[in-house]
Protein backbone atom coordinates (compact mmCIF):
# COMPACT_ATOMS: atom_id res chain seq x y z
CA MET A 1 -0.31 -0.13 -0.08
CA GLY A 2 1.38 3.25 -0.80
CA VAL A 3 1.77 6.29 1.05
CA THR A 4 1.52 9.69 0.02
CA ASP A 5 2.48 13.05 1.42
CA LEU A 6 -1.43 13.44 2.12
CA ASP A 7 -1.33 10.54 4.25
CA LEU A 8 0.62 12.12 7.01
CA SER A 9 0.51 15.67 8.91
CA PRO A 10 2.87 18.46 7.65
CA GLN A 11 3.80 18.53 11.15
CA VAL A 12 5.57 15.21 11.22
CA ARG A 13 7.58 16.41 8.14
CA ARG A 14 8.54 19.65 9.70
CA LEU A 15 9.53 17.75 13.34
CA GLY A 16 11.61 15.48 11.20
CA TRP A 17 13.61 18.20 9.45
CA ALA A 18 13.94 20.03 12.57
CA THR A 19 15.10 17.02 14.45
CA LEU A 20 17.85 16.66 11.71
CA VAL A 21 18.92 20.45 11.30
CA ALA A 22 19.06 20.68 15.48
CA ASN A 23 21.36 17.74 15.46
CA ILE A 24 23.45 18.90 13.07
CA GLY A 25 23.67 22.45 14.73
CA LEU A 26 24.57 20.51 18.13
CA VAL A 27 27.39 19.39 16.44
CA VAL A 28 28.61 22.97 15.21
CA THR A 29 27.86 24.30 18.69
CA GLY A 30 29.55 21.33 20.54
CA GLY A 31 32.62 22.28 18.46
CA ALA A 32 32.31 25.83 18.98
CA VAL A 33 32.76 24.93 23.18
CA ARG A 34 35.96 23.11 22.22
CA LEU A 35 37.50 25.55 19.86
CA THR A 36 37.09 28.22 22.20
CA ALA A 37 38.58 26.50 24.87
CA SER A 38 35.36 26.25 26.89
CA GLY A 39 34.94 22.68 27.55
CA LEU A 40 35.55 23.17 31.10
CA GLY A 41 33.48 26.30 31.55
CA CYS A 42 31.42 24.54 33.69
CA PRO A 43 33.85 22.20 35.75
CA THR A 44 31.41 19.65 36.84
CA TRP A 45 28.17 17.91 35.73
CA PRO A 46 25.07 17.99 36.03
CA ARG A 47 25.64 21.18 37.89
CA CYS A 48 27.82 23.93 36.22
CA THR A 49 29.66 24.78 39.50
CA GLU A 50 29.77 22.67 42.86
CA GLU A 51 27.23 25.24 44.31
CA SER A 52 24.89 25.94 41.49
CA PHE A 53 23.49 24.63 38.20
CA THR A 54 23.97 27.87 36.49
CA PRO A 55 27.23 29.71 36.31
CA HIS A 56 25.88 32.99 37.48
CA GLY A 57 28.12 33.30 40.27
CA ALA A 58 31.46 33.39 38.29
CA LEU A 59 30.35 34.14 34.54
CA ASP A 60 32.96 34.46 31.89
CA MET A 61 33.13 33.67 28.22
CA HIS A 62 34.12 29.99 28.71
CA SER A 63 31.34 29.28 31.30
CA ALA A 64 28.69 31.02 29.26
CA ILE A 65 29.62 29.20 26.11
CA GLU A 66 29.64 25.96 27.83
CA PHE A 67 26.47 26.63 29.78
CA GLY A 68 24.73 27.91 26.41
CA ASN A 69 25.62 24.72 24.75
CA ARG A 70 23.99 22.42 27.82
CA LEU A 71 20.86 24.57 27.43
CA LEU A 72 20.52 23.61 24.03
CA THR A 73 19.78 19.89 25.14
CA PHE A 74 16.46 21.47 26.63
CA VAL A 75 15.57 22.56 22.90
CA LEU A 76 16.61 19.31 21.39
CA ALA A 77 14.29 17.25 23.96
CA ALA A 78 11.38 19.58 23.30
CA ILE A 79 11.85 18.93 19.49
CA ALA A 80 12.21 15.19 20.27
CA ILE A 81 9.18 15.04 22.39
CA LEU A 82 7.05 16.82 19.86
CA THR A 83 8.23 14.48 17.11
CA PHE A 84 7.39 11.50 19.15
CA ILE A 85 3.82 12.68 19.55
CA ALA A 86 3.53 13.43 15.85
CA ALA A 87 4.93 10.14 15.06
CA TRP A 88 2.43 8.47 17.34
CA GLN A 89 -0.55 9.97 15.82
CA THR A 90 0.54 8.55 12.75
CA ARG A 91 -0.01 5.10 13.97
CA ARG A 92 2.73 3.75 12.13
CA ARG A 93 4.91 1.54 14.29
CA ASP A 94 8.33 2.27 12.08
CA LEU A 95 7.72 5.83 12.87
CA ARG A 96 7.04 5.48 16.56
CA VAL A 97 10.20 3.57 16.99
CA LEU A 98 12.45 5.85 15.37
CA ALA A 99 11.00 8.74 17.04
CA PHE A 100 11.52 7.02 20.42
CA VAL A 101 15.05 6.04 19.62
CA LEU A 102 15.84 9.82 18.53
CA GLY A 103 14.21 11.03 21.71
CA VAL A 104 16.24 8.84 24.06
CA GLY A 105 19.23 9.99 22.25
CA ILE A 106 18.94 13.19 23.43
CA PRO A 107 19.47 12.43 27.31
CA ALA A 108 21.88 9.44 26.58
CA GLN A 109 23.93 12.30 24.65
CA ALA A 110 23.71 14.81 27.81
CA VAL A 111 24.83 11.88 30.23
CA ILE A 112 27.84 11.34 27.59
CA GLY A 113 28.50 15.09 27.56
CA GLY A 114 28.59 15.13 31.30
CA LEU A 115 31.19 12.20 31.26
CA THR A 116 33.39 14.26 29.06
CA VAL A 117 33.23 16.85 31.69
CA LEU A 118 33.74 14.53 34.52
CA THR A 119 36.71 12.93 32.89
CA ASP A 120 38.27 16.32 32.31
CA LEU A 121 37.55 16.27 28.50
CA ASN A 122 39.16 12.74 28.17
CA PRO A 123 39.93 12.55 24.25
CA TRP A 124 38.71 9.19 23.76
CA VAL A 125 35.08 10.18 25.64
CA VAL A 126 34.98 13.16 23.73
CA SER A 127 35.16 11.06 20.37
CA PHE A 128 32.70 8.80 21.29
CA HIS A 129 30.21 11.77 22.11
CA LEU A 130 30.92 13.33 18.50
CA LEU A 131 30.06 9.95 16.86
CA CYS A 132 26.88 9.37 18.84
CA SER A 133 25.70 12.73 17.55
CA LEU A 134 26.73 11.93 13.95
CA ALA A 135 25.10 8.59 14.32
CA ILE A 136 21.57 10.30 15.75
CA ILE A 137 22.01 12.64 12.37
CA GLY A 138 21.83 9.31 10.32
CA LEU A 139 18.87 8.14 12.36
CA ALA A 140 17.10 11.48 11.52
CA VAL A 141 17.68 11.11 7.69
CA LEU A 142 16.06 7.47 8.16
CA PHE A 143 13.16 9.12 9.97
CA LEU A 144 12.33 11.45 7.01
CA TRP A 145 12.99 8.62 4.56
CA ARG A 146 10.54 6.37 6.38
CA LEU A 147 7.75 8.98 6.30
CA ASP A 148 7.09 8.10 2.50
CA ARG A 149 8.46 4.66 2.63
CA PRO A 150 6.52 2.59 5.24
CA GLU A 151 6.77 -0.71 3.60
CA PRO A 152 10.33 -0.72 2.15
CA GLU A 153 11.21 -3.38 -0.41
CA PRO A 154 15.17 -3.57 -0.25
CA VAL A 155 16.90 -4.78 -3.32
CA GLY A 156 20.49 -6.61 -3.52
CA GLY A 157 23.28 -6.75 -5.80
CA PRO A 158 26.46 -5.48 -6.42
CA VAL A 159 25.59 -1.66 -6.46
CA VAL A 160 23.94 -2.11 -2.82
CA THR A 161 27.13 -3.90 -1.92
CA LEU A 162 29.21 -0.90 -3.13
CA ALA A 163 26.80 1.39 -1.32
CA TRP A 164 27.62 -0.42 1.75
CA LEU A 165 31.33 -0.23 1.22
CA VAL A 166 30.65 3.72 0.70
CA PHE A 167 28.66 3.56 4.08
CA ALA A 168 31.36 1.76 5.93
CA ALA A 169 34.33 3.83 4.41
CA GLY A 170 32.44 6.91 5.43
CA TRP A 171 32.11 5.87 9.23
CA LEU A 172 35.59 4.79 9.09
CA VAL A 173 36.56 8.39 7.66
CA LEU A 174 34.37 9.89 10.53
CA TYR A 175 36.21 7.74 13.42
CA VAL A 176 39.86 8.13 12.42
CA GLY A 177 38.87 11.90 12.04
CA THR A 178 37.85 11.89 15.77
CA VAL A 179 40.87 10.20 17.07
CA VAL A 180 43.18 12.77 14.89
CA THR A 181 41.23 15.35 16.85
CA GLY A 182 42.27 13.90 19.70
CA SER A 183 45.96 13.87 19.09
CA GLY A 184 45.84 17.54 18.34
CA PRO A 185 45.16 21.04 19.41
CA HIS A 186 41.81 22.63 20.25
CA ALA A 187 41.13 19.89 23.09
CA GLY A 188 38.43 22.02 24.59
CA ASP A 189 40.73 23.33 27.51
CA LEU A 190 44.19 24.47 27.55
CA ASP A 191 45.25 21.89 30.04
CA VAL A 192 43.70 18.99 28.54
CA PRO A 193 45.98 15.81 27.65
CA ARG A 194 45.86 14.50 24.42
CA ASN A 195 45.51 10.89 23.33
CA GLY A 196 49.12 10.30 22.71
CA LEU A 197 48.88 9.10 19.29
CA ASP A 198 51.13 10.72 16.63
CA PRO A 199 49.06 13.22 14.72
CA LEU A 200 51.22 13.07 11.63
CA GLN A 201 50.68 9.22 11.13
CA LEU A 202 47.11 9.83 12.32
CA SER A 203 46.62 12.57 9.75
CA GLN A 204 48.04 10.31 6.81
CA LEU A 205 45.86 7.37 8.09
CA HIS A 206 42.63 9.68 7.67
CA ALA A 207 43.70 10.93 4.20
CA ASP A 208 44.08 7.65 3.18
CA ALA A 209 40.51 6.67 4.26
CA VAL A 210 39.13 9.69 2.71
CA PHE A 211 40.98 8.76 -0.92
CA LEU A 212 39.24 5.42 -0.25
CA LEU A 213 35.77 6.97 0.41
CA VAL A 214 36.06 9.65 -2.42
CA GLY A 215 37.02 6.25 -4.68
CA LEU A 216 34.05 4.30 -3.75
CA THR A 217 31.89 7.18 -4.06
CA VAL A 218 32.95 8.02 -7.52
CA ALA A 219 32.12 4.56 -8.48
CA LEU A 220 28.71 4.65 -6.83
CA VAL A 221 27.87 7.59 -8.86
CA VAL A 222 28.67 6.05 -12.17
CA VAL A 223 26.81 2.69 -11.29
CA ALA A 224 24.07 3.79 -9.37
CA PRO A 225 20.47 3.62 -10.87
CA PRO A 226 18.81 6.99 -11.84
CA GLY A 227 16.98 7.32 -8.88
CA ALA A 228 19.76 7.20 -6.35
CA ARG A 229 22.23 8.94 -8.62
CA ARG A 230 21.38 12.23 -6.98
CA ALA A 231 21.96 11.20 -3.40
CA ALA A 232 25.36 9.85 -4.60
CA GLY A 233 26.39 12.85 -6.14
CA VAL A 234 25.61 14.93 -3.27
CA LEU A 235 27.47 12.82 -1.11
CA LEU A 236 30.62 12.98 -3.32
CA ALA A 237 30.07 16.87 -3.51
CA ILE A 238 30.32 17.00 0.18
CA GLU A 239 33.28 14.58 0.40
CA LEU A 240 35.22 16.97 -2.04
CA ALA A 241 34.50 20.08 -0.30
CA GLN A 242 35.00 18.38 3.08
CA GLY A 243 38.49 17.13 1.64
CA LEU A 244 39.38 20.62 0.63
CA ILE A 245 38.87 22.07 3.91
CA GLY A 246 40.64 19.26 5.65
CA PHE A 247 43.70 19.99 3.29
CA VAL A 248 43.95 23.98 3.92
CA GLN A 249 43.27 23.49 7.54
CA TYR A 250 46.06 21.07 7.96
CA PHE A 251 48.78 23.38 6.30
CA THR A 252 47.31 26.58 7.86
CA ASP A 253 47.97 25.22 11.64
CA LEU A 254 44.03 24.35 11.95
CA PRO A 255 42.38 27.67 12.18
CA ILE A 256 39.34 27.46 14.43
CA VAL A 257 36.82 28.51 11.68
CA LEU A 258 38.08 25.83 9.11
CA VAL A 259 37.96 23.56 11.85
CA GLY A 260 34.14 24.39 12.63
CA PHE A 261 33.20 24.07 8.76
CA HIS A 262 35.05 20.66 9.08
CA LEU A 263 32.69 19.61 11.84
CA LEU A 264 29.91 20.88 9.87
CA GLY A 265 30.92 18.57 6.85
CA ALA A 266 31.06 15.65 9.01
CA ALA A 267 27.77 16.03 10.19
CA LEU A 268 26.69 16.54 6.27
CA ILE A 269 28.48 13.39 5.89
CA SER A 270 26.78 11.43 8.10
CA ALA A 271 23.41 12.42 6.66
CA ALA A 272 24.21 12.37 2.83
CA MET A 273 25.78 8.93 3.19
CA THR A 274 22.66 7.58 4.97
CA TRP A 275 20.62 9.02 2.54
CA SER A 276 22.90 7.56 -0.41
CA LEU A 277 22.76 4.16 0.87
CA LEU A 278 18.82 4.14 1.36
CA ALA A 279 18.30 5.64 -2.33
CA VAL A 280 20.26 2.41 -3.49
CA ARG A 281 19.06 -0.20 -1.00
CA GLU A 282 15.47 0.91 -1.38
CA PRO A 283 14.75 2.24 -5.09
CA VAL A 284 11.67 4.27 -5.67
CA ARG A 285 8.92 2.23 -6.97
CA VAL A 286 7.28 2.84 -10.29
CA ASP A 287 3.51 2.45 -8.68
CA ARG A 288 4.23 5.10 -6.09
CA PRO A 289 4.12 8.39 -8.16
CA HIS A 290 3.97 10.65 -5.29
CA VAL A 291 6.88 9.38 -3.28
CA ALA A 292 9.70 11.76 -2.71
CA THR A 293 13.47 11.18 -3.78
CA ALA A 294 15.09 12.88 -1.25
CA PRO A 295 14.72 12.28 2.69
């Protein structure tokens, strides 16, 4: 049975997009906390200081930035609750489950964020914190995709295998990128130790993984069916832009602005590679003329 845009409240779609955009924004604002050395602006958790949940007693730039980022959790929680309510009203189990998982991810991320503070910004915990946000972004794309595809009919074959390889290579790039970050500057605080790994060797490994990802994505653009080629092309464009930013920031001693854009690029890659995989694995059926081709 087909599902058109008329079968769902426009509010569900708007909230789905709000979930995606808000979580991408959280990656960027979280990066701003780290890049401004404000990671310990609130030195404990869940309180900001030992005496208060707010930094009003000793407010400076770092504490304001860190506390402001904490407040965003409440914005994301509100969006998550509204999304779950809207998904529940659709009476569709798949949307309810996805909305629930997305909602649970918000307090889970808040706890992980608290652990980063309690462990004095341990680079491995910070890495896990970012990767969880990137995974939530992928789930938000899946939620948007499912709005128009309640009964997916996945296909197989070599092109789908290639799409899975692109997806796996993309996550390898994202993971190694977080490890590279944990070995270099911009730790979130001036006195935070790094992971002790060689930044030069890690950067080379990261670059090798990027070349692999770009090569696989080029192949996917060439062989993908017409309905999925747009998604693969968007992913390739983001990868090339992200690679250029990474190259420039490496040879310009990691300026804060470029690193911030690089974090935005990582969030967009998570979204685009999820869309690309879904577009290849679940092609649009010809008997569903109203189904959108983008999440």
